Amino acid sequence: MRIGELATRVGLSRDALRFYEQVGILTSERRPNGYRDYPPEAVPWLAYVRTARTLGFSLAEIAEHGEQLTEAPDQAEALSALFADKISLIDTRMAELAVLRAELTARAGTECPLRPAPRAG
């Protein structure tokens, strides 16, 4: 299918599809007239990409792991392992943000919030 039809079917812009192709998320064949021709499998693949993006996966992560996961004999196990890794990263980031929040809270309303905090000891 041509880029306009794919864009309409998946709710993405043509520019987004071209970008996805540029970064290796999507592939197409070139027709003799130069138009891109996308396979029918591009529609469910882009639904997968959209869901993965919603779940916090970057385009780089999708490009790295996407095809192997959609073709893996035990897809659920492979996805669960990736999800566990993502949860671990989120937990680490939440802990870092809690420390940052505490630091900002301690400094808010002080005479000079950007002055280095006194060292303990």
PDB file of N, CA and C in Angstrom:
ATOM      1  N   MET A   1       0.845  -1.176   0.000  1.00  0.00           N
ATOM      2  CA  MET A   1       0.000   0.000   0.000  1.00  0.00           C
ATOM      3  C   MET A   1       0.887   1.235   0.000  1.00  0.00           C
ATOM      4  N   ARG A   2       0.384   2.308  -0.519  1.00  0.00           N
ATOM      5  CA  ARG A   2       1.162   3.532  -0.604  1.00  0.00           C
ATOM      6  C   ARG A   2       1.119   4.274   0.737  1.00  0.00           C
ATOM      7  N   ILE A   3       2.006   5.227   0.880  1.00  0.00           N
ATOM      8  CA  ILE A   3       2.193   5.910   2.154  1.00  0.00           C
ATOM      9  C   ILE A   3       0.928   6.614   2.635  1.00  0.00           C
ATOM     10  N   GLY A   4       0.168   7.217   1.729  1.00  0.00           N
ATOM     11  CA  GLY A   4      -1.055   7.913   2.122  1.00  0.00           C
ATOM     12  C   GLY A   4      -2.092   6.971   2.708  1.00  0.00           C
ATOM     13  N   GLU A   5      -2.243   5.809   2.087  1.00  0.00           N
ATOM     14  CA  GLU A   5      -3.194   4.822   2.587  1.00  0.00           C
ATOM     15  C   GLU A   5      -2.765   4.300   3.955  1.00  0.00           C
ATOM     16  N   LEU A   6      -1.469   4.003   4.098  1.00  0.00           N
ATOM     17  CA  LEU A   6      -0.976   3.523   5.393  1.00  0.00           C
ATOM     18  C   LEU A   6      -1.160   4.589   6.464  1.00  0.00           C
ATOM     19  N   ALA A   7      -0.844   5.831   6.135  1.00  0.00           N
ATOM     20  CA  ALA A   7      -0.998   6.923   7.097  1.00  0.00           C
ATOM     21  C   ALA A   7      -2.444   7.025   7.582  1.00  0.00           C
ATOM     22  N   THR A   8      -3.383   6.908   6.662  1.00  0.00           N
ATOM     23  CA  THR A   8      -4.803   6.973   7.014  1.00  0.00           C
ATOM     24  C   THR A   8      -5.208   5.783   7.879  1.00  0.00           C
ATOM     25  N   ARG A   9      -4.755   4.599   7.522  1.00  0.00           N
ATOM     26  CA  ARG A   9      -5.154   3.391   8.259  1.00  0.00           C
ATOM     27  C   ARG A   9      -4.609   3.354   9.673  1.00  0.00           C
ATOM     28  N   VAL A  10      -3.412   3.908   9.896  1.00  0.00           N
ATOM     29  CA  VAL A  10      -2.808   3.818  11.233  1.00  0.00           C
ATOM     30  C   VAL A  10      -2.883   5.123  12.017  1.00  0.00           C
ATOM     31  N   GLY A  11      -3.357   6.184  11.398  1.00  0.00           N
ATOM     32  CA  GLY A  11      -3.514   7.452  12.104  1.00  0.00           C
ATOM     33  C   GLY A  11      -2.207   8.175  12.380  1.00  0.00           C
ATOM     34  N   LEU A  12      -1.238   8.013  11.489  1.00  0.00           N
ATOM     35  CA  LEU A  12       0.031   8.724  11.598  1.00  0.00           C
ATOM     36  C   LEU A  12       0.209   9.596  10.362  1.00  0.00           C
ATOM     37  N   SER A  13       1.047  10.593  10.480  1.00  0.00           N
ATOM     38  CA  SER A  13       1.317  11.438   9.321  1.00  0.00           C
ATOM     39  C   SER A  13       2.297  10.752   8.382  1.00  0.00           C
ATOM     40  N   ARG A  14       2.331  11.205   7.182  1.00  0.00           N
ATOM     41  CA  ARG A  14       3.304  10.690   6.220  1.00  0.00           C
ATOM     42  C   ARG A  14       4.722  10.962   6.697  1.00  0.00           C
ATOM     43  N   ASP A  15       4.904  12.141   7.286  1.00  0.00           N
ATOM     44  CA  ASP A  15       6.239  12.475   7.810  1.00  0.00           C
ATOM     45  C   ASP A  15       6.656  11.506   8.907  1.00  0.00           C
ATOM     46  N   ALA A  16       5.717  11.126   9.773  1.00  0.00           N
ATOM     47  CA  ALA A  16       6.036  10.169  10.838  1.00  0.00           C
ATOM     48  C   ALA A  16       6.441   8.830  10.233  1.00  0.00           C
ATOM     49  N   LEU A  17       5.731   8.391   9.211  1.00  0.00           N
ATOM     50  CA  LEU A  17       6.070   7.128   8.555  1.00  0.00           C
ATOM     51  C   LEU A  17       7.445   7.191   7.904  1.00  0.00           C
ATOM     52  N   ARG A  18       7.747   8.311   7.271  1.00  0.00           N
ATOM     53  CA  ARG A  18       9.072   8.465   6.672  1.00  0.00           C
ATOM     54  C   ARG A  18      10.155   8.446   7.747  1.00  0.00           C
ATOM     55  N   PHE A  19       9.868   9.099   8.880  1.00  0.00           N
ATOM     56  CA  PHE A  19      10.830   9.107   9.982  1.00  0.00           C
ATOM     57  C   PHE A  19      11.027   7.698  10.526  1.00  0.00           C
ATOM     58  N   TYR A  20       9.934   6.971  10.727  1.00  0.00           N
ATOM     59  CA  TYR A  20      10.036   5.591  11.204  1.00  0.00           C
ATOM     60  C   TYR A  20      10.883   4.753  10.257  1.00  0.00           C
ATOM     61  N   GLU A  21      10.744   5.002   8.968  1.00  0.00           N
ATOM     62  CA  GLU A  21      11.552   4.276   7.991  1.00  0.00           C
ATOM     63  C   GLU A  21      13.020   4.687   8.105  1.00  0.00           C
ATOM     64  N   GLN A  22      13.249   5.973   8.303  1.00  0.00           N
ATOM     65  CA  GLN A  22      14.620   6.480   8.426  1.00  0.00           C
ATOM     66  C   GLN A  22      15.352   5.883   9.622  1.00  0.00           C
ATOM     67  N   VAL A  23      14.645   5.680  10.742  1.00  0.00           N
ATOM     68  CA  VAL A  23      15.286   5.151  11.953  1.00  0.00           C
ATOM     69  C   VAL A  23      15.220   3.630  12.046  1.00  0.00           C
ATOM     70  N   GLY A  24      14.662   2.985  11.029  1.00  0.00           N
ATOM     71  CA  GLY A  24      14.679   1.529  10.989  1.00  0.00           C
ATOM     72  C   GLY A  24      13.501   0.834  11.640  1.00  0.00           C
ATOM     73  N   ILE A  25      12.445   1.561  11.940  1.00  0.00           N
ATOM     74  CA  ILE A  25      11.258   0.972  12.560  1.00  0.00           C
ATOM     75  C   ILE A  25      10.346   0.352  11.498  1.00  0.00           C
ATOM     76  N   LEU A  26      10.395   0.882  10.306  1.00  0.00           N
ATOM     77  CA  LEU A  26       9.480   0.498   9.241  1.00  0.00           C
ATOM     78  C   LEU A  26      10.272   0.341   7.944  1.00  0.00           C
ATOM     79  N   THR A  27       9.850  -0.582   7.108  1.00  0.00           N
ATOM     80  CA  THR A  27      10.506  -0.765   5.815  1.00  0.00           C
ATOM     81  C   THR A  27       9.473  -0.713   4.696  1.00  0.00           C
ATOM     82  N   SER A  28       9.953  -0.354   3.523  1.00  0.00           N
ATOM     83  CA  SER A  28       9.096  -0.339   2.340  1.00  0.00           C
ATOM     84  C   SER A  28       9.924  -0.736   1.131  1.00  0.00           C
ATOM     85  N   GLU A  29       9.219  -1.110   0.110  1.00  0.00           N
ATOM     86  CA  GLU A  29       9.837  -1.350  -1.190  1.00  0.00           C
ATOM     87  C   GLU A  29       9.612  -0.088  -2.017  1.00  0.00           C
ATOM     88  N   ARG A  30      10.459   0.134  -2.982  1.00  0.00           N
ATOM     89  CA  ARG A  30      10.254   1.258  -3.899  1.00  0.00           C
ATOM     90  C   ARG A  30       9.690   0.732  -5.211  1.00  0.00           C
ATOM     91  N   ARG A  31       8.620   1.333  -5.650  1.00  0.00           N
ATOM     92  CA  ARG A  31       8.045   0.994  -6.948  1.00  0.00           C
ATOM     93  C   ARG A  31       8.895   1.650  -8.043  1.00  0.00           C
ATOM     94  N   PRO A  32       8.740   1.223  -9.272  1.00  0.00           N
ATOM     95  CA  PRO A  32       9.507   1.844 -10.359  1.00  0.00           C
ATOM     96  C   PRO A  32       9.295   3.354 -10.472  1.00  0.00           C
ATOM     97  N   ASN A  33       8.103   3.826 -10.071  1.00  0.00           N
ATOM     98  CA  ASN A  33       7.830   5.257 -10.135  1.00  0.00           C
ATOM     99  C   ASN A  33       8.389   6.011  -8.917  1.00  0.00           C
ATOM    100  N   GLY A  34       9.062   5.300  -7.993  1.00  0.00           N
ATOM    101  CA  GLY A  34       9.671   5.928  -6.830  1.00  0.00           C
ATOM    102  C   GLY A  34       8.795   5.956  -5.593  1.00  0.00           C
ATOM    103  N   TYR A  35       7.525   5.592  -5.735  1.00  0.00           N
ATOM    104  CA  TYR A  35       6.629   5.596  -4.582  1.00  0.00           C
ATOM    105  C   TYR A  35       6.993   4.473  -3.633  1.00  0.00           C
ATOM    106  N   ARG A  36       6.781   4.725  -2.353  1.00  0.00           N
ATOM    107  CA  ARG A  36       6.977   3.684  -1.351  1.00  0.00           C
ATOM    108  C   ARG A  36       5.790   2.718  -1.397  1.00  0.00           C
ATOM    109  N   ASP A  37       6.083   1.446  -1.188  1.00  0.00           N
ATOM    110  CA  ASP A  37       5.053   0.421  -1.143  1.00  0.00           C
ATOM    111  C   ASP A  37       5.229  -0.357   0.156  1.00  0.00           C
ATOM    112  N   TYR A  38       4.259  -0.243   1.051  1.00  0.00           N
ATOM    113  CA  TYR A  38       4.336  -0.892   2.358  1.00  0.00           C
ATOM    114  C   TYR A  38       3.538  -2.185   2.348  1.00  0.00           C
ATOM    115  N   PRO A  39       4.040  -3.216   3.017  1.00  0.00           N
ATOM    116  CA  PRO A  39       3.308  -4.488   3.066  1.00  0.00           C
ATOM    117  C   PRO A  39       2.113  -4.370   4.018  1.00  0.00           C
ATOM    118  N   PRO A  40       1.126  -5.251   3.869  1.00  0.00           N
ATOM    119  CA  PRO A  40      -0.042  -5.226   4.767  1.00  0.00           C
ATOM    120  C   PRO A  40       0.336  -5.413   6.229  1.00  0.00           C
ATOM    121  N   GLU A  41       1.452  -6.100   6.488  1.00  0.00           N
ATOM    122  CA  GLU A  41       1.893  -6.333   7.868  1.00  0.00           C
ATOM    123  C   GLU A  41       2.302  -5.048   8.579  1.00  0.00           C
ATOM    124  N   ALA A  42       2.470  -3.970   7.826  1.00  0.00           N
ATOM    125  CA  ALA A  42       2.863  -2.700   8.435  1.00  0.00           C
ATOM    126  C   ALA A  42       1.775  -2.169   9.371  1.00  0.00           C
ATOM    127  N   VAL A  43       0.523  -2.469   9.077  1.00  0.00           N
ATOM    128  CA  VAL A  43      -0.587  -1.954   9.910  1.00  0.00           C
ATOM    129  C   VAL A  43      -0.525  -2.525  11.328  1.00  0.00           C
ATOM    130  N   PRO A  44      -0.520  -3.860  11.511  1.00  0.00           N
ATOM    131  CA  PRO A  44      -0.416  -4.364  12.889  1.00  0.00           C
ATOM    132  C   PRO A  44       0.928  -4.032  13.538  1.00  0.00           C
ATOM    133  N   TRP A  45       1.987  -3.965  12.758  1.00  0.00           N
ATOM    134  CA  TRP A  45       3.295  -3.615  13.299  1.00  0.00           C
ATOM    135  C   TRP A  45       3.265  -2.204  13.890  1.00  0.00           C
ATOM    136  N   LEU A  46       2.645  -1.271  13.185  1.00  0.00           N
ATOM    137  CA  LEU A  46       2.585   0.103  13.695  1.00  0.00           C
ATOM    138  C   LEU A  46       1.673   0.208  14.914  1.00  0.00           C
ATOM    139  N   ALA A  47       0.669  -0.652  15.017  1.00  0.00           N
ATOM    140  CA  ALA A  47      -0.149  -0.707  16.242  1.00  0.00           C
ATOM    141  C   ALA A  47       0.723  -1.171  17.404  1.00  0.00           C
ATOM    142  N   TYR A  48       1.584  -2.152  17.161  1.00  0.00           N
ATOM    143  CA  TYR A  48       2.536  -2.627  18.170  1.00  0.00           C
ATOM    144  C   TYR A  48       3.469  -1.492  18.579  1.00  0.00           C
ATOM    145  N   VAL A  49       3.984  -0.762  17.608  1.00  0.00           N
ATOM    146  CA  VAL A  49       4.895   0.358  17.890  1.00  0.00           C
ATOM    147  C   VAL A  49       4.191   1.399  18.747  1.00  0.00           C
ATOM    148  N   ARG A  50       2.966   1.725  18.405  1.00  0.00           N
ATOM    149  CA  ARG A  50       2.209   2.729  19.176  1.00  0.00           C
ATOM    150  C   ARG A  50       2.020   2.264  20.621  1.00  0.00           C
ATOM    151  N   THR A  51       1.673   1.000  20.813  1.00  0.00           N
ATOM    152  CA  THR A  51       1.493   0.462  22.159  1.00  0.00           C
ATOM    153  C   THR A  51       2.812   0.481  22.923  1.00  0.00           C
ATOM    154  N   ALA A  52       3.882   0.077  22.271  1.00  0.00           N
ATOM    155  CA  ALA A  52       5.196   0.077  22.919  1.00  0.00           C
ATOM    156  C   ALA A  52       5.592   1.490  23.326  1.00  0.00           C
ATOM    157  N   ARG A  53       5.327   2.476  22.487  1.00  0.00           N
ATOM    158  CA  ARG A  53       5.636   3.872  22.823  1.00  0.00           C
ATOM    159  C   ARG A  53       4.812   4.316  24.032  1.00  0.00           C
ATOM    160  N   THR A  54       3.536   3.935  24.071  1.00  0.00           N
ATOM    161  CA  THR A  54       2.672   4.267  25.201  1.00  0.00           C
ATOM    162  C   THR A  54       3.208   3.663  26.494  1.00  0.00           C
ATOM    163  N   LEU A  55       3.833   2.491  26.396  1.00  0.00           N
ATOM    164  CA  LEU A  55       4.381   1.810  27.569  1.00  0.00           C
ATOM    165  C   LEU A  55       5.781   2.303  27.932  1.00  0.00           C
ATOM    166  N   GLY A  56       6.251   3.341  27.257  1.00  0.00           N
ATOM    167  CA  GLY A  56       7.512   3.963  27.635  1.00  0.00           C
ATOM    168  C   GLY A  56       8.735   3.482  26.887  1.00  0.00           C
ATOM    169  N   PHE A  57       8.572   2.679  25.859  1.00  0.00           N
ATOM    170  CA  PHE A  57       9.719   2.216  25.095  1.00  0.00           C
ATOM    171  C   PHE A  57      10.101   3.261  24.052  1.00  0.00           C
ATOM    172  N   SER A  58      11.385   3.492  23.908  1.00  0.00           N
ATOM    173  CA  SER A  58      11.873   4.460  22.923  1.00  0.00           C
ATOM    174  C   SER A  58      11.876   3.819  21.541  1.00  0.00           C
ATOM    175  N   LEU A  59      11.992   4.659  20.536  1.00  0.00           N
ATOM    176  CA  LEU A  59      12.085   4.134  19.179  1.00  0.00           C
ATOM    177  C   LEU A  59      13.329   3.277  19.023  1.00  0.00           C
ATOM    178  N   ALA A  60      14.410   3.654  19.686  1.00  0.00           N
ATOM    179  CA  ALA A  60      15.643   2.861  19.621  1.00  0.00           C
ATOM    180  C   ALA A  60      15.414   1.475  20.221  1.00  0.00           C
ATOM    181  N   GLU A  61      14.701   1.402  21.343  1.00  0.00           N
ATOM    182  CA  GLU A  61      14.409   0.101  21.957  1.00  0.00           C
ATOM    183  C   GLU A  61      13.511  -0.737  21.059  1.00  0.00           C
ATOM    184  N   ILE A  62      12.549  -0.094  20.437  1.00  0.00           N
ATOM    185  CA  ILE A  62      11.642  -0.812  19.541  1.00  0.00           C
ATOM    186  C   ILE A  62      12.412  -1.330  18.331  1.00  0.00           C
ATOM    187  N   ALA A  63      13.272  -0.487  17.779  1.00  0.00           N
ATOM    188  CA  ALA A  63      14.069  -0.905  16.624  1.00  0.00           C
ATOM    189  C   ALA A  63      14.988  -2.063  17.001  1.00  0.00           C
ATOM    190  N   GLU A  64      15.529  -2.020  18.216  1.00  0.00           N
ATOM    191  CA  GLU A  64      16.461  -3.062  18.654  1.00  0.00           C
ATOM    192  C   GLU A  64      15.765  -4.383  18.934  1.00  0.00           C
ATOM    193  N   HIS A  65      14.608  -4.341  19.583  1.00  0.00           N
ATOM    194  CA  HIS A  65      13.962  -5.563  20.058  1.00  0.00           C
ATOM    195  C   HIS A  65      12.696  -5.950  19.304  1.00  0.00           C
ATOM    196  N   GLY A  66      12.135  -5.032  18.566  1.00  0.00           N
ATOM    197  CA  GLY A  66      10.816  -5.252  17.988  1.00  0.00           C
ATOM    198  C   GLY A  66      10.644  -6.471  17.131  1.00  0.00           C
ATOM    199  N   GLU A  67      11.444  -6.620  16.111  1.00  0.00           N
ATOM    200  CA  GLU A  67      11.245  -7.732  15.186  1.00  0.00           C
ATOM    201  C   GLU A  67      11.473  -9.081  15.851  1.00  0.00           C
ATOM    202  N   GLN A  68      12.484  -9.175  16.695  1.00  0.00           N
ATOM    203  CA  GLN A  68      12.731 -10.460  17.349  1.00  0.00           C
ATOM    204  C   GLN A  68      11.582 -10.832  18.264  1.00  0.00           C
ATOM    205  N   LEU A  69      10.918  -9.848  18.836  1.00  0.00           N
ATOM    206  CA  LEU A  69       9.809 -10.155  19.735  1.00  0.00           C
ATOM    207  C   LEU A  69       8.559 -10.571  18.979  1.00  0.00           C
ATOM    208  N   THR A  70       8.324  -9.966  17.846  1.00  0.00           N
ATOM    209  CA  THR A  70       7.120 -10.334  17.104  1.00  0.00           C
ATOM    210  C   THR A  70       7.276 -11.681  16.422  1.00  0.00           C
ATOM    211  N   GLU A  71       8.514 -12.138  16.252  1.00  0.00           N
ATOM    212  CA  GLU A  71       8.749 -13.419  15.603  1.00  0.00           C
ATOM    213  C   GLU A  71       9.184 -14.506  16.588  1.00  0.00           C
ATOM    214  N   ALA A  72       9.353 -14.152  17.858  1.00  0.00           N
ATOM    215  CA  ALA A  72       9.841 -15.105  18.850  1.00  0.00           C
ATOM    216  C   ALA A  72       8.807 -16.188  19.109  1.00  0.00           C
ATOM    217  N   PRO A  73       9.256 -17.456  19.247  1.00  0.00           N
ATOM    218  CA  PRO A  73       8.309 -18.536  19.547  1.00  0.00           C
ATOM    219  C   PRO A  73       7.616 -18.318  20.887  1.00  0.00           C
ATOM    220  N   ASP A  74       8.329 -17.760  21.854  1.00  0.00           N
ATOM    221  CA  ASP A  74       7.733 -17.492  23.157  1.00  0.00           C
ATOM    222  C   ASP A  74       7.720 -15.976  23.382  1.00  0.00           C
ATOM    223  N   GLN A  75       6.874 -15.309  22.625  1.00  0.00           N
ATOM    224  CA  GLN A  75       6.814 -13.852  22.636  1.00  0.00           C
ATOM    225  C   GLN A  75       6.459 -13.313  24.023  1.00  0.00           C
ATOM    226  N   ALA A  76       5.540 -13.920  24.714  1.00  0.00           N
ATOM    227  CA  ALA A  76       5.107 -13.422  26.014  1.00  0.00           C
ATOM    228  C   ALA A  76       6.265 -13.410  27.008  1.00  0.00           C
ATOM    229  N   GLU A  77       7.088 -14.442  27.000  1.00  0.00           N
ATOM    230  CA  GLU A  77       8.223 -14.505  27.919  1.00  0.00           C
ATOM    231  C   GLU A  77       9.244 -13.413  27.593  1.00  0.00           C
ATOM    232  N   ALA A  78       9.520 -13.214  26.319  1.00  0.00           N
ATOM    233  CA  ALA A  78      10.475 -12.184  25.904  1.00  0.00           C
ATOM    234  C   ALA A  78       9.957 -10.793  26.263  1.00  0.00           C
ATOM    235  N   LEU A  79       8.676 -10.559  26.027  1.00  0.00           N
ATOM    236  CA  LEU A  79       8.095  -9.259  26.379  1.00  0.00           C
ATOM    237  C   LEU A  79       8.092  -9.045  27.884  1.00  0.00           C
ATOM    238  N   SER A  80       7.782 -10.084  28.642  1.00  0.00           N
ATOM    239  CA  SER A  80       7.776  -9.966  30.100  1.00  0.00           C
ATOM    240  C   SER A  80       9.158  -9.604  30.628  1.00  0.00           C
ATOM    241  N   ALA A  81      10.200 -10.156  30.035  1.00  0.00           N
ATOM    242  CA  ALA A  81      11.569  -9.818  30.449  1.00  0.00           C
ATOM    243  C   ALA A  81      11.870  -8.356  30.141  1.00  0.00           C
ATOM    244  N   LEU A  82      11.454  -7.885  28.978  1.00  0.00           N
ATOM    245  CA  LEU A  82      11.660  -6.468  28.650  1.00  0.00           C
ATOM    246  C   LEU A  82      10.864  -5.568  29.597  1.00  0.00           C
ATOM    247  N   PHE A  83       9.641  -5.971  29.909  1.00  0.00           N
ATOM    248  CA  PHE A  83       8.817  -5.190  30.832  1.00  0.00           C
ATOM    249  C   PHE A  83       9.466  -5.131  32.213  1.00  0.00           C
ATOM    250  N   ALA A  84      10.010  -6.239  32.663  1.00  0.00           N
ATOM    251  CA  ALA A  84      10.683  -6.265  33.975  1.00  0.00           C
ATOM    252  C   ALA A  84      11.869  -5.309  33.980  1.00  0.00           C
ATOM    253  N   ASP A  85      12.633  -5.283  32.902  1.00  0.00           N
ATOM    254  CA  ASP A  85      13.754  -4.339  32.798  1.00  0.00           C
ATOM    255  C   ASP A  85      13.246  -2.902  32.836  1.00  0.00           C
ATOM    256  N   LYS A  86      12.160  -2.630  32.131  1.00  0.00           N
ATOM    257  CA  LYS A  86      11.599  -1.273  32.088  1.00  0.00           C
ATOM    258  C   LYS A  86      11.091  -0.884  33.476  1.00  0.00           C
ATOM    259  N   ILE A  87      10.465  -1.802  34.195  1.00  0.00           N
ATOM    260  CA  ILE A  87       9.976  -1.529  35.550  1.00  0.00           C
ATOM    261  C   ILE A  87      11.143  -1.191  36.464  1.00  0.00           C
ATOM    262  N   SER A  88      12.231  -1.908  36.338  1.00  0.00           N
ATOM    263  CA  SER A  88      13.426  -1.640  37.141  1.00  0.00           C
ATOM    264  C   SER A  88      13.957  -0.233  36.867  1.00  0.00           C
ATOM    265  N   LEU A  89      14.002   0.149  35.604  1.00  0.00           N
ATOM    266  CA  LEU A  89      14.452   1.501  35.253  1.00  0.00           C
ATOM    267  C   LEU A  89      13.517   2.563  35.833  1.00  0.00           C
ATOM    268  N   ILE A  90      12.221   2.304  35.770  1.00  0.00           N
ATOM    269  CA  ILE A  90      11.240   3.245  36.321  1.00  0.00           C
ATOM    270  C   ILE A  90      11.410   3.364  37.831  1.00  0.00           C
ATOM    271  N   ASP A  91      11.606   2.239  38.521  1.00  0.00           N
ATOM    272  CA  ASP A  91      11.813   2.268  39.971  1.00  0.00           C
ATOM    273  C   ASP A  91      13.048   3.090  40.328  1.00  0.00           C
ATOM    274  N   THR A  92      14.124   2.905  39.581  1.00  0.00           N
ATOM    275  CA  THR A  92      15.354   3.680  39.824  1.00  0.00           C
ATOM    276  C   THR A  92      15.099   5.161  39.610  1.00  0.00           C
ATOM    277  N   ARG A  93      14.420   5.480  38.523  1.00  0.00           N
ATOM    278  CA  ARG A  93      14.139   6.890  38.213  1.00  0.00           C
ATOM    279  C   ARG A  93      13.222   7.502  39.274  1.00  0.00           C
ATOM    280  N   MET A  94      12.241   6.734  39.763  1.00  0.00           N
ATOM    281  CA  MET A  94      11.344   7.244  40.803  1.00  0.00           C
ATOM    282  C   MET A  94      12.116   7.541  42.085  1.00  0.00           C
ATOM    283  N   ALA A  95      13.073   6.689  42.430  1.00  0.00           N
ATOM    284  CA  ALA A  95      13.898   6.922  43.618  1.00  0.00           C
ATOM    285  C   ALA A  95      14.739   8.184  43.435  1.00  0.00           C
ATOM    286  N   GLU A  96      15.315   8.356  42.249  1.00  0.00           N
ATOM    287  CA  GLU A  96      16.100   9.561  41.965  1.00  0.00           C
ATOM    288  C   GLU A  96      15.230  10.811  42.052  1.00  0.00           C
ATOM    289  N   LEU A  97      14.014  10.724  41.532  1.00  0.00           N
ATOM    290  CA  LEU A  97      13.097  11.865  41.581  1.00  0.00           C
ATOM    291  C   LEU A  97      12.659  12.174  43.014  1.00  0.00           C
ATOM    292  N   ALA A  98      12.501  11.150  43.850  1.00  0.00           N
ATOM    293  CA  ALA A  98      12.137  11.376  45.249  1.00  0.00           C
ATOM    294  C   ALA A  98      13.249  12.134  45.971  1.00  0.00           C
ATOM    295  N   VAL A  99      14.502  11.786  45.700  1.00  0.00           N
ATOM    296  CA  VAL A  99      15.636  12.497  46.296  1.00  0.00           C
ATOM    297  C   VAL A  99      15.657  13.944  45.804  1.00  0.00           C
ATOM    298  N   LEU A 100      15.451  14.142  44.515  1.00  0.00           N
ATOM    299  CA  LEU A 100      15.425  15.491  43.955  1.00  0.00           C
ATOM    300  C   LEU A 100      14.285  16.304  44.550  1.00  0.00           C
ATOM    301  N   ARG A 101      13.121  15.691  44.709  1.00  0.00           N
ATOM    302  CA  ARG A 101      11.974  16.396  45.298  1.00  0.00           C
ATOM    303  C   ARG A 101      12.279  16.825  46.727  1.00  0.00           C
ATOM    304  N   ALA A 102      12.887  15.937  47.492  1.00  0.00           N
ATOM    305  CA  ALA A 102      13.234  16.269  48.879  1.00  0.00           C
ATOM    306  C   ALA A 102      14.216  17.438  48.917  1.00  0.00           C
ATOM    307  N   GLU A 103      15.184  17.436  48.030  1.00  0.00           N
ATOM    308  CA  GLU A 103      16.167  18.525  47.969  1.00  0.00           C
ATOM    309  C   GLU A 103      15.493  19.841  47.607  1.00  0.00           C
ATOM    310  N   LEU A 104      14.614  19.820  46.633  1.00  0.00           N
ATOM    311  CA  LEU A 104      13.899  21.041  46.249  1.00  0.00           C
ATOM    312  C   LEU A 104      12.994  21.535  47.370  1.00  0.00           C
ATOM    313  N   THR A 105      12.329  20.603  48.047  1.00  0.00           N
ATOM    314  CA  THR A 105      11.447  20.965  49.158  1.00  0.00           C
ATOM    315  C   THR A 105      12.251  21.619  50.280  1.00  0.00           C
ATOM    316  N   ALA A 106      13.423  21.072  50.570  1.00  0.00           N
ATOM    317  CA  ALA A 106      14.265  21.625  51.631  1.00  0.00           C
ATOM    318  C   ALA A 106      14.754  23.032  51.281  1.00  0.00           C
ATOM    319  N   ARG A 107      14.961  23.294  50.005  1.00  0.00           N
ATOM    320  CA  ARG A 107      15.487  24.591  49.584  1.00  0.00           C
ATOM    321  C   ARG A 107      14.397  25.638  49.347  1.00  0.00           C
ATOM    322  N   ALA A 108      13.196  25.209  49.037  1.00  0.00           N
ATOM    323  CA  ALA A 108      12.108  26.140  48.739  1.00  0.00           C
ATOM    324  C   ALA A 108      11.837  27.029  49.947  1.00  0.00           C
ATOM    325  N   GLY A 109      11.720  28.300  49.697  1.00  0.00           N
ATOM    326  CA  GLY A 109      11.408  29.245  50.758  1.00  0.00           C
ATOM    327  C   GLY A 109      12.599  29.657  51.594  1.00  0.00           C
ATOM    328  N   THR A 110      13.794  29.205  51.265  1.00  0.00           N
ATOM    329  CA  THR A 110      14.981  29.629  52.000  1.00  0.00           C
ATOM    330  C   THR A 110      15.462  30.955  51.428  1.00  0.00           C
ATOM    331  N   GLU A 111      16.388  31.581  52.140  1.00  0.00           N
ATOM    332  CA  GLU A 111      16.889  32.889  51.738  1.00  0.00           C
ATOM    333  C   GLU A 111      17.540  32.851  50.355  1.00  0.00           C
ATOM    334  N   CYS A 112      18.338  31.827  50.103  1.00  0.00           N
ATOM    335  CA  CYS A 112      19.006  31.695  48.814  1.00  0.00           C
ATOM    336  C   CYS A 112      18.951  30.224  48.380  1.00  0.00           C
ATOM    337  N   PRO A 113      17.876  29.838  47.663  1.00  0.00           N
ATOM    338  CA  PRO A 113      17.676  28.431  47.333  1.00  0.00           C
ATOM    339  C   PRO A 113      18.789  27.785  46.526  1.00  0.00           C
ATOM    340  N   LEU A 114      19.618  28.564  45.831  1.00  0.00           N
ATOM    341  CA  LEU A 114      20.661  27.970  45.013  1.00  0.00           C
ATOM    342  C   LEU A 114      22.010  27.884  45.722  1.00  0.00           C
ATOM    343  N   ARG A 115      22.087  28.411  46.952  1.00  0.00           N
ATOM    344  CA  ARG A 115      23.313  28.294  47.718  1.00  0.00           C
ATOM    345  C   ARG A 115      23.552  26.841  48.056  1.00  0.00           C
ATOM    346  N   PRO A 116      24.799  26.359  47.931  1.00  0.00           N
ATOM    347  CA  PRO A 116      25.070  24.959  48.274  1.00  0.00           C
ATOM    348  C   PRO A 116      24.631  24.649  49.696  1.00  0.00           C
ATOM    349  N   ALA A 117      24.048  23.482  49.861  1.00  0.00           N
ATOM    350  CA  ALA A 117      23.577  23.061  51.181  1.00  0.00           C
ATOM    351  C   ALA A 117      24.790  22.804  52.062  1.00  0.00           C
ATOM    352  N   PRO A 118      24.682  23.147  53.358  1.00  0.00           N
ATOM    353  CA  PRO A 118      25.813  22.872  54.266  1.00  0.00           C
ATOM    354  C   PRO A 118      26.066  21.377  54.352  1.00  0.00           C
ATOM    355  N   ARG A 119      27.350  21.034  54.430  1.00  0.00           N
ATOM    356  CA  ARG A 119      27.739  19.617  54.539  1.00  0.00           C
ATOM    357  C   ARG A 119      27.622  19.166  55.988  1.00  0.00           C
ATOM    358  N   ALA A 120      27.161  17.928  56.132  1.00  0.00           N
ATOM    359  CA  ALA A 120      27.051  17.352  57.470  1.00  0.00           C
ATOM    360  C   ALA A 120      28.428  16.940  57.958  1.00  0.00           C
ATOM    361  N   GLY A 121      28.663  17.109  59.247  1.00  0.00           N
ATOM    362  CA  GLY A 121      29.885  16.570  59.788  1.00  0.00           C
ATOM    363  C   GLY A 121      30.715  17.576  60.362  1.00  0.00           C
TER     364      GLY A 121
END
